[in-house]
Structure formats: C-alpha cells, structure tokens
Protein backbone atom coordinates (compact mmCIF):
# COMPACT_ATOMS: atom_id res chain seq x y z
CA MET A 1 0.17 0.05 0.04
CA ASP A 2 3.33 2.89 0.57
CA SER A 3 4.12 1.70 -2.62
CA ALA A 4 0.50 3.29 -4.21
CA LEU A 5 1.22 6.44 -1.81
CA ALA A 6 4.54 7.21 -3.08
CA ASN A 7 3.53 6.76 -6.85
CA LEU A 8 1.08 9.97 -6.14
CA LEU A 9 1.29 12.81 -8.56
CA PRO A 10 -0.90 16.62 -8.25
CA PRO A 11 -2.69 17.48 -10.84
CA ALA A 12 -1.43 19.07 -14.04
CA VAL A 13 -2.74 22.37 -14.16
CA GLY A 14 -3.08 24.39 -17.51
CA LYS A 15 -2.26 28.23 -17.52
CA VAL A 16 -5.98 30.40 -18.72
CA GLU A 17 -4.51 33.76 -18.80
CA HIS A 18 -8.12 35.97 -18.27
CA ALA A 19 -8.44 39.57 -17.43
CA MET A 20 -10.65 41.52 -15.14
CA GLU A 21 -11.22 44.83 -15.26
CA MET A 22 -12.92 46.86 -12.31
CA PHE A 23 -12.88 50.50 -11.21
CA GLY A 24 -10.23 51.49 -14.11
CA ASN A 25 -7.77 48.20 -12.41
CA VAL A 26 -6.68 45.02 -14.72
CA ARG A 27 -5.96 41.93 -13.07
CA THR A 28 -4.59 38.74 -14.83
CA ASP A 29 -5.39 35.82 -13.30
CA ASN A 30 -3.10 33.00 -14.83
CA TYR A 31 -5.39 30.38 -13.73
CA TYR A 32 -8.95 31.60 -14.12
CA CYS A 33 -12.02 29.04 -13.66
CA ASP A 34 -15.57 29.42 -14.71
CA ALA A 35 -16.62 26.60 -13.00
CA ALA A 36 -19.14 28.00 -10.39
C-alpha cells in the first residue's frame, strides 16, 4: 500500500490567462476557472 501512495502526483493544471477589469484596474488571473 505504501508504494501506491509514493506514486501519487498532483493534478496538472494549465495556465488560462483571463483579464478582469474593475474600477479602471486590470488584473490578470493566470489560473482563471469559470466553474461556478
């Protein structure tokens, strides 16, 4: 059982740049997700 736990890897996440603008300020979120 210990060998199975040693082979675990975190999920691979790709960058999805998304620019958000509010009150004249622009913020870029590199890991934007619209899964609400």
